C-alpha cells in the first residue's frame, strides 16, 4: 500500500509540474501511462461537429496515425457522439460504448485501430462546456482492461482536471512557472497569492473585483475566507497542508466555492516554490496561489436527450446524428464507415425504441426537442 501511494504521489507531482510548464505534459502523460497502463496517451478536444477536433498533448503516438485521425478518421470514430454524453470525470473504456463485433465492422477499426494493434482504450471526459469537450484517452494493447487500471485512472482524474484548469490560466498568457505579478494581473480569472495565515499578499485585478463584490469569498480580519463553511474548511486544510510541505493534492487542492443550477465557482490552490515567491517580490510571505474559475454547466443537446430518453446505444446515436446530416442508406453507410446492412439494422432498432416509422419522423422528433429547449 505504501509503495502504491508513493507511485501515485510521484505521478501527481509531475501532473502539477505540467500545469505550470506545458513542455512537461508529455512527461506527465508518460507517468500516467506507466501507472495506469496503456500504450500511449492523447489529450484532445472535440467540438459538436465530428470533424471539429484538435490535439492538446501527446505521449508515444505515431504521428502518421495522429495526422490520419485528425484529417480523415475523426468523423468515423464510432464512440462519437455517445462519448460526449458521458459524465465528466467518469472513466470508461471504448468497449463499454461499442461492442467488439460492431467495432470490427467499421472503417475506423480497419484503418486506425487494427493497424496499430490496439485492443481497447480507457478514456475520461475532463471538461465539458457549451461549445466543446476535453478528453484524455489511453489506447491499449495486449488484452482486456482490468478493474485495477480503471481504479488507478479514476484516482488520478481529479488531479488531472485540476492540472488542466491551472494550465488554462497560465496558457492564456504564456506564463512561466515563476509567477510574475504582471502576468497574473492580465489573467481574466481571479488569482490571489496567500500567506500561510491566509493574508492576501497579492490579488490581480479580477481578484480585487471579486473581493469588492463579495462573490464566493470575503475578508475577515484582513484574511481571505470562503463564504461557504465547507469551502472555507477546504481552503484552510489545503493551505495548512501546503504550509507543512505535504504532497500537492494529498489534502485536496481544488474545491467549489459556490454552486448554482447553471454554473459553479471552482477554486484551485497551488503551492509556490521559493524562486516563484522571490520573483513576485514577496520573499517568503506568499505560500500559495489561489485560482478561481467559473465552470458553466452545458445544457444537454437534443441528440443527448434523445439518446438518454430512448436508451440508444453508441452505434444507434451515431446513426441518428448522421441522419440529421444525410439521407438514404448509401449516404449513411459512407458517412459512418459501415455497411448498408449494418445501417439498416441500427435504423430498425432506433425506430422501435423512439418510436418512429422512418427517417423523416426521426428528424421531426429531434427537431421537436430543439424547439422545446
Protein backbone atom coordinates (compact mmCIF):
# COMPACT_ATOMS: atom_id res chain seq x y z
CA UNK A 1 0.00 0.00 0.00
CA UNK A 2 2.82 2.42 0.86
CA UNK A 3 4.53 1.63 -2.44
CA UNK A 4 1.28 2.26 -4.34
CA UNK A 5 0.78 5.58 -2.54
CA UNK A 6 4.33 6.65 -3.35
CA UNK A 7 3.86 5.81 -7.02
CA UNK A 8 0.63 7.79 -7.21
CA UNK A 9 2.14 10.77 -5.37
CA UNK A 10 5.01 10.86 -7.88
CA UNK A 11 2.54 10.93 -10.79
CA UNK A 12 0.52 13.70 -9.15
CA UNK A 13 3.65 15.79 -8.64
CA UNK A 14 4.53 15.53 -12.35
CA UNK A 15 0.96 16.49 -13.32
CA UNK A 16 1.13 19.72 -11.33
CA UNK A 17 4.56 20.47 -12.78
CA UNK A 18 2.98 20.20 -16.23
CA UNK A 19 0.16 22.51 -15.15
CA UNK A 20 2.55 25.44 -14.99
CA UNK A 21 5.05 24.28 -17.62
CA UNK A 22 3.33 23.00 -20.77
CA UNK A 23 6.59 21.47 -22.03
CA UNK A 24 6.22 18.81 -19.33
CA UNK A 25 2.83 17.45 -20.43
CA UNK A 26 4.36 14.63 -22.46
CA UNK A 27 6.36 13.54 -19.42
CA UNK A 28 3.24 13.78 -17.27
CA UNK A 29 1.23 11.64 -19.68
CA UNK A 30 4.03 9.08 -19.72
CA UNK A 31 3.88 8.93 -15.93
CA UNK A 32 0.12 8.36 -16.07
CA UNK A 33 0.60 5.62 -18.70
CA UNK A 34 3.25 3.91 -16.57
CA UNK A 35 0.96 3.99 -13.54
CA UNK A 36 -2.37 3.16 -15.20
CA UNK A 37 -1.34 1.22 -18.29
CA UNK A 38 -1.91 1.96 -21.95
CA UNK A 39 0.31 2.10 -25.00
CA UNK A 40 0.06 5.84 -25.49
CA UNK A 41 -1.87 8.88 -24.29
CA UNK A 42 -3.68 11.68 -26.08
CA UNK A 43 -5.28 14.77 -24.57
CA UNK A 44 -7.58 16.35 -27.13
CA UNK A 45 -10.67 18.47 -27.58
CA UNK A 46 -13.74 17.68 -29.63
CA UNK A 47 -16.43 20.08 -30.75
CA UNK A 48 -20.06 19.35 -31.51
CA UNK A 49 -19.19 18.61 -35.15
CA UNK A 50 -17.42 15.29 -35.67
CA UNK A 51 -14.57 16.84 -37.65
CA UNK A 52 -14.02 19.68 -35.18
CA UNK A 53 -11.16 18.14 -33.23
CA UNK A 54 -7.69 19.13 -32.09
CA UNK A 55 -4.80 17.63 -30.12
CA UNK A 56 -3.57 19.29 -26.93
CA UNK A 57 -0.83 16.93 -25.69
CA UNK A 58 0.55 13.55 -26.77
CA UNK A 59 2.72 10.75 -25.49
CA UNK A 60 4.16 7.91 -27.61
CA UNK A 61 1.79 8.43 -30.54
CA UNK A 62 2.52 7.50 -34.14
CA UNK A 63 2.49 10.87 -35.99
CA UNK A 64 1.23 9.20 -39.17
CA UNK A 65 -1.87 7.85 -37.46
CA UNK A 66 -2.40 11.02 -35.43
CA UNK A 67 -2.48 13.00 -38.66
CA UNK A 68 -4.74 10.40 -40.27
CA UNK A 69 -7.19 10.69 -37.38
CA UNK A 70 -7.28 14.49 -37.47
CA UNK A 71 -7.53 14.80 -41.23
CA UNK A 72 -9.84 11.89 -42.10
CA UNK A 73 -10.95 9.45 -39.43
CA UNK A 74 -12.31 11.58 -36.58
CA UNK A 75 -15.82 11.66 -38.11
CA UNK A 76 -15.70 7.84 -38.39
CA UNK A 77 -14.90 7.19 -34.72
CA UNK A 78 -17.83 5.02 -33.56
CA UNK A 79 -17.52 6.23 -29.96
CA UNK A 80 -18.75 9.68 -31.02
CA UNK A 81 -21.06 11.35 -30.30
CA UNK A 82 -22.06 8.98 -27.47
CA UNK A 83 -18.83 9.68 -25.58
CA UNK A 84 -19.79 13.36 -25.44
CA UNK A 85 -22.72 12.43 -23.20
CA UNK A 86 -20.64 10.65 -20.55
CA UNK A 87 -20.41 12.10 -17.06
CA UNK A 88 -17.48 14.49 -16.62
CA UNK A 89 -14.70 12.77 -14.68
CA UNK A 90 -16.07 9.24 -15.16
CA UNK A 91 -13.67 6.62 -16.50
CA UNK A 92 -14.92 4.40 -19.31
CA UNK A 93 -13.50 2.00 -21.86
CA UNK A 94 -14.10 2.10 -25.60
CA UNK A 95 -15.60 -1.37 -25.32
CA UNK A 96 -18.18 -0.02 -22.83
CA UNK A 97 -19.64 2.05 -25.64
CA UNK A 98 -19.07 -0.05 -28.76
CA UNK A 99 -19.16 -3.87 -28.66
CA UNK A 100 -16.21 -5.57 -30.32
CA UNK A 101 -18.32 -7.22 -33.01
CA UNK A 102 -19.80 -3.89 -34.08
CA UNK A 103 -16.44 -2.16 -33.90
CA UNK A 104 -14.74 -4.68 -36.18
CA UNK A 105 -17.25 -3.90 -38.94
CA UNK A 106 -16.23 -0.23 -39.11
CA UNK A 107 -13.76 1.54 -41.38
CA UNK A 108 -12.34 3.16 -38.25
CA UNK A 109 -11.30 -0.26 -36.96
CA UNK A 110 -9.80 -1.31 -40.28
CA UNK A 111 -7.86 1.91 -40.89
CA UNK A 112 -6.84 3.04 -37.40
CA UNK A 113 -7.35 0.53 -34.60
CA UNK A 114 -6.26 -2.75 -36.19
CA UNK A 115 -3.09 -1.43 -37.93
CA UNK A 116 -1.82 -0.11 -34.60
CA UNK A 117 -2.67 -3.28 -32.71
CA UNK A 118 -5.00 -1.64 -30.21
CA UNK A 119 -7.36 -3.91 -28.31
CA UNK A 120 -9.27 -1.27 -26.32
CA UNK A 121 -8.77 2.13 -24.67
CA UNK A 122 -9.51 3.91 -21.43
CA UNK A 123 -10.82 7.44 -21.58
CA UNK A 124 -12.21 10.21 -19.42
CA UNK A 125 -14.14 13.36 -20.26
CA UNK A 126 -12.16 16.05 -18.42
CA UNK A 127 -14.26 19.10 -19.16
CA UNK A 128 -17.42 19.98 -20.96
CA UNK A 129 -18.98 23.33 -21.77
CA UNK A 130 -21.49 24.61 -24.29
CA UNK A 131 -19.09 24.54 -27.25
CA UNK A 132 -16.60 21.69 -26.84
CA UNK A 133 -15.23 18.95 -24.62
CA UNK A 134 -11.75 17.94 -23.49
CA UNK A 135 -10.77 14.26 -23.31
CA UNK A 136 -7.88 12.10 -22.21
CA UNK A 137 -7.53 8.73 -23.96
CA UNK A 138 -5.21 5.75 -23.36
CA UNK A 139 -5.23 3.21 -26.23
CA UNK A 140 -4.49 -0.32 -25.04
CA UNK A 141 -2.53 -3.22 -26.47
CA UNK A 142 -2.44 -6.80 -25.31
CA UNK A 143 -5.75 -7.85 -23.89
CA UNK A 144 -8.59 -6.51 -21.83
CA UNK A 145 -8.51 -3.58 -19.43
CA UNK A 146 -8.82 -4.77 -15.85
CA UNK A 147 -10.64 -3.15 -12.94
CA UNK A 148 -7.37 -2.09 -11.29
CA UNK A 149 -6.42 0.07 -14.28
CA UNK A 150 -9.81 1.77 -14.20
CA UNK A 151 -9.47 2.40 -10.48
CA UNK A 152 -5.97 3.87 -10.79
CA UNK A 153 -7.10 6.26 -13.51
CA UNK A 154 -10.19 7.23 -11.51
CA UNK A 155 -7.96 8.19 -8.56
CA UNK A 156 -5.88 10.42 -10.83
CA UNK A 157 -8.77 12.11 -12.63
CA UNK A 158 -9.38 14.90 -10.06
CA UNK A 159 -5.70 15.81 -10.19
CA UNK A 160 -5.63 15.75 -13.99
CA UNK A 161 -8.68 18.03 -14.05
CA UNK A 162 -7.04 20.47 -11.62
CA UNK A 163 -3.84 20.47 -13.64
CA UNK A 164 -5.80 21.26 -16.81
CA UNK A 165 -7.62 24.09 -15.04
CA UNK A 166 -4.35 25.62 -13.84
CA UNK A 167 -2.74 25.16 -17.25
CA UNK A 168 -5.58 27.06 -18.90
CA UNK A 169 -4.96 30.05 -16.68
CA UNK A 170 -1.23 30.06 -17.37
CA UNK A 171 -1.57 29.21 -21.03
CA UNK A 172 -3.58 32.30 -21.85
CA UNK A 173 -0.65 34.49 -21.04
CA UNK A 174 2.14 32.02 -21.89
CA UNK A 175 3.32 32.41 -18.30
CA UNK A 176 6.48 30.80 -17.00
CA UNK A 177 6.48 28.56 -13.94
CA UNK A 178 7.61 31.55 -11.89
CA UNK A 179 4.54 33.60 -11.07
CA UNK A 180 5.02 37.19 -12.24
CA UNK A 181 2.52 39.71 -10.91
CA UNK A 182 2.48 41.45 -14.27
CA UNK A 183 1.30 38.23 -15.88
CA UNK A 184 -1.24 37.43 -13.21
CA UNK A 185 -2.76 40.88 -13.49
CA UNK A 186 -3.58 40.13 -17.13
CA UNK A 187 -5.26 36.80 -16.38
CA UNK A 188 -9.02 37.15 -16.65
CA UNK A 189 -9.81 34.84 -13.72
CA UNK A 190 -9.27 35.92 -10.10
CA UNK A 191 -5.84 35.00 -8.68
CA UNK A 192 -4.64 35.51 -5.09
CA UNK A 193 -1.20 34.96 -3.58
CA UNK A 194 -1.72 33.94 0.04
CA UNK A 195 0.48 33.73 3.10
CA UNK A 196 0.32 30.68 5.37
CA UNK A 197 -2.21 32.50 7.60
CA UNK A 198 -4.46 33.50 4.64
CA UNK A 199 -3.34 37.09 4.32
CA UNK A 200 -3.55 38.34 0.74
CA UNK A 201 -0.03 39.14 -0.38
CA UNK A 202 -1.21 39.96 -3.89
CA UNK A 203 -4.50 39.93 -5.80
CA UNK A 204 -4.85 40.57 -9.52
CA UNK A 205 -7.49 42.94 -10.92
CA UNK A 206 -10.15 40.21 -11.19
CA UNK A 207 -9.36 39.06 -7.67
CA UNK A 208 -9.78 42.54 -6.26
CA UNK A 209 -13.08 42.90 -8.07
CA UNK A 210 -14.24 39.57 -6.64
CA UNK A 211 -13.45 40.77 -3.12
CA UNK A 212 -15.34 44.01 -3.69
CA UNK A 213 -18.39 42.12 -4.94
CA UNK A 214 -18.21 39.52 -2.17
CA UNK A 215 -18.88 36.64 -4.56
CA UNK A 216 -17.81 33.32 -3.03
CA UNK A 217 -15.18 34.90 -0.78
CA UNK A 218 -14.88 37.59 1.88
CA UNK A 219 -12.29 39.30 4.05
CA UNK A 220 -12.25 38.80 7.79
CA UNK A 221 -9.52 40.37 9.91
CA UNK A 222 -7.61 41.04 6.66
CA UNK A 223 -7.62 37.34 5.86
CA UNK A 224 -9.27 35.56 2.93
CA UNK A 225 -12.29 33.45 3.79
CA UNK A 226 -14.62 31.40 1.63
CA UNK A 227 -18.24 32.44 2.06
CA UNK A 228 -19.48 28.85 2.42
CA UNK A 229 -18.36 26.97 5.53
CA UNK A 230 -17.48 23.77 3.65
CA UNK A 231 -15.35 25.69 1.13
CA UNK A 232 -13.69 27.65 3.94
CA UNK A 233 -12.69 24.43 5.70
CA UNK A 234 -11.32 23.07 2.41
CA UNK A 235 -9.28 26.23 1.90
CA UNK A 236 -7.89 26.06 5.44
CA UNK A 237 -7.00 22.37 5.18
CA UNK A 238 -5.34 22.77 1.77
CA UNK A 239 -3.31 25.81 2.83
CA UNK A 240 -2.24 24.06 6.02
CA UNK A 241 -1.11 21.01 4.02
CA UNK A 242 0.93 23.21 1.66
CA UNK A 243 2.49 25.07 4.59
CA UNK A 244 3.53 21.74 6.15
CA UNK A 245 5.05 20.62 2.87
CA UNK A 246 2.57 17.81 2.27
CA UNK A 247 2.41 16.46 -1.32
CA UNK A 248 0.24 18.55 -3.60
CA UNK A 249 -3.24 17.14 -3.70
CA UNK A 250 -2.84 14.96 -0.61
CA UNK A 251 -5.41 17.06 1.26
CA UNK A 252 -7.35 18.15 -1.80
CA UNK A 253 -6.31 21.34 -3.57
CA UNK A 254 -9.44 22.00 -5.60
CA UNK A 255 -12.92 22.74 -4.30
CA UNK A 256 -16.15 24.53 -5.17
CA UNK A 257 -16.62 27.99 -3.68
CA UNK A 258 -20.29 28.08 -4.60
CA UNK A 259 -22.62 26.32 -7.00
CA UNK A 260 -25.86 27.19 -8.77
CA UNK A 261 -28.04 25.16 -11.14
CA UNK A 262 -26.23 26.74 -14.11
CA UNK A 263 -22.62 27.13 -13.04
CA UNK A 264 -20.14 26.95 -10.19
CA UNK A 265 -17.05 28.70 -8.91
CA UNK A 266 -14.05 26.38 -8.69
CA UNK A 267 -11.01 27.24 -6.57
CA UNK A 268 -7.60 25.64 -7.01
CA UNK A 269 -4.72 26.12 -4.58
CA UNK A 270 -1.17 25.73 -5.91
CA UNK A 271 1.98 25.85 -3.74
CA UNK A 272 4.57 28.49 -4.67
CA UNK A 273 8.18 27.46 -4.88
CA UNK A 274 10.74 29.70 -3.21
CA UNK A 275 12.02 31.10 -6.51
CA UNK A 276 8.47 31.98 -7.55
CA UNK A 277 7.91 33.89 -4.32
CA UNK A 278 11.09 35.83 -4.87
CA UNK A 279 10.08 36.76 -8.42
CA UNK A 280 6.95 38.47 -7.14
CA UNK A 281 8.97 40.34 -4.54
CA UNK A 282 7.25 38.84 -1.53
CA UNK A 283 10.21 36.96 -0.02
CA UNK A 284 8.71 34.08 1.96
CA UNK A 285 5.34 35.74 2.59
CA UNK A 286 3.42 34.12 -0.26
CA UNK A 287 2.95 30.41 0.35
CA UNK A 288 0.31 29.52 -2.23
CA UNK A 289 -1.59 30.83 -5.24
CA UNK A 290 -5.38 30.55 -5.26
CA UNK A 291 -7.02 30.45 -8.71
CA UNK A 292 -10.77 30.90 -9.12
CA UNK A 293 -12.56 29.80 -12.27
CA UNK A 294 -16.21 29.79 -13.27
CA UNK A 295 -17.34 26.50 -14.80
CA UNK A 296 -20.67 26.62 -16.60
CA UNK A 297 -22.76 23.50 -16.96
CA UNK A 298 -23.59 22.74 -20.56
CA UNK A 299 -27.25 22.16 -21.37
CA UNK A 300 -27.92 18.75 -22.91
CA UNK A 301 -28.21 18.77 -26.69
CA UNK A 302 -31.33 17.42 -28.42
CA UNK A 303 -29.27 14.42 -29.57
CA UNK A 304 -28.25 13.71 -25.98
CA UNK A 305 -31.85 13.99 -24.83
CA UNK A 306 -32.98 11.51 -27.50
CA UNK A 307 -30.17 9.12 -26.59
CA UNK A 308 -30.97 9.13 -22.89
CA UNK A 309 -34.75 9.23 -23.18
CA UNK A 310 -34.91 6.22 -25.50
CA UNK A 311 -31.86 4.28 -24.28
CA UNK A 312 -29.92 4.36 -27.54
CA UNK A 313 -26.57 2.62 -27.84
CA UNK A 314 -23.44 4.43 -29.04
CA UNK A 315 -23.85 2.98 -32.53
CA UNK A 316 -27.51 3.98 -32.67
CA UNK A 317 -26.67 7.52 -31.56
CA UNK A 318 -24.17 7.77 -34.43
CA UNK A 319 -26.84 6.75 -36.91
CA UNK A 320 -29.30 9.33 -35.53
CA UNK A 321 -26.67 12.06 -35.75
CA UNK A 322 -25.79 11.10 -39.31
CA UNK A 323 -29.47 11.03 -40.26
CA UNK A 324 -29.68 14.71 -39.35
CA UNK A 325 -27.00 15.44 -41.98
CA UNK A 326 -27.55 12.96 -44.82
CA UNK A 327 -30.36 10.72 -46.06
CA UNK A 328 -30.52 7.32 -47.71
CA UNK A 329 -28.74 4.09 -46.85
CA UNK A 330 -25.84 4.66 -49.24
CA UNK A 331 -25.05 8.10 -47.83
CA UNK A 332 -25.42 6.95 -44.24
CA UNK A 333 -23.15 3.94 -44.79
CA UNK A 334 -20.48 6.12 -46.40
CA UNK A 335 -20.68 8.73 -43.65
CA UNK A 336 -20.43 6.16 -40.87
CA UNK A 337 -17.92 3.81 -42.48
CA UNK A 338 -20.13 0.75 -42.11
CA UNK A 339 -22.16 -1.45 -44.46
CA UNK A 340 -25.70 -0.64 -45.60
CA UNK A 341 -26.91 -3.78 -43.82
CA UNK A 342 -25.46 -2.50 -40.52
CA UNK A 343 -27.12 0.90 -41.00
CA UNK A 344 -30.45 -0.76 -41.75
CA UNK A 345 -30.18 -2.92 -38.62
CA UNK A 346 -29.49 0.12 -36.43
CA UNK A 347 -32.30 2.13 -38.02
CA UNK A 348 -34.83 -0.62 -37.35
CA UNK A 349 -33.78 -0.73 -33.69
CA UNK A 350 -33.98 3.07 -33.45
CA UNK A 351 -37.47 3.12 -34.95
CA UNK A 352 -38.65 0.58 -32.37
CA UNK A 353 -37.12 2.45 -29.43
CA UNK A 354 -38.11 6.03 -30.24
CA UNK A 355 -40.76 5.09 -31.63
CA UNK A 356 -40.93 6.39 -35.19
CA UNK A 357 -41.57 4.79 -38.58
CA UNK A 358 -38.90 6.31 -40.81
CA UNK A 359 -36.03 8.81 -41.11
CA UNK A 360 -38.39 11.71 -41.68
CA UNK A 361 -40.24 11.09 -38.42
CA UNK A 362 -36.92 10.64 -36.61
CA UNK A 363 -35.75 14.05 -37.82
CA UNK A 364 -39.07 15.58 -36.73
CA UNK A 365 -38.62 14.01 -33.28
CA UNK A 366 -35.20 15.62 -32.82
CA UNK A 367 -36.44 18.92 -34.27
CA UNK A 368 -39.27 18.93 -31.75
CA UNK A 369 -36.76 18.69 -28.93
CA UNK A 370 -34.77 21.59 -30.43
CA UNK A 371 -37.90 23.77 -30.31
CA UNK A 372 -38.62 22.67 -26.74
CA UNK A 373 -35.19 23.78 -25.45
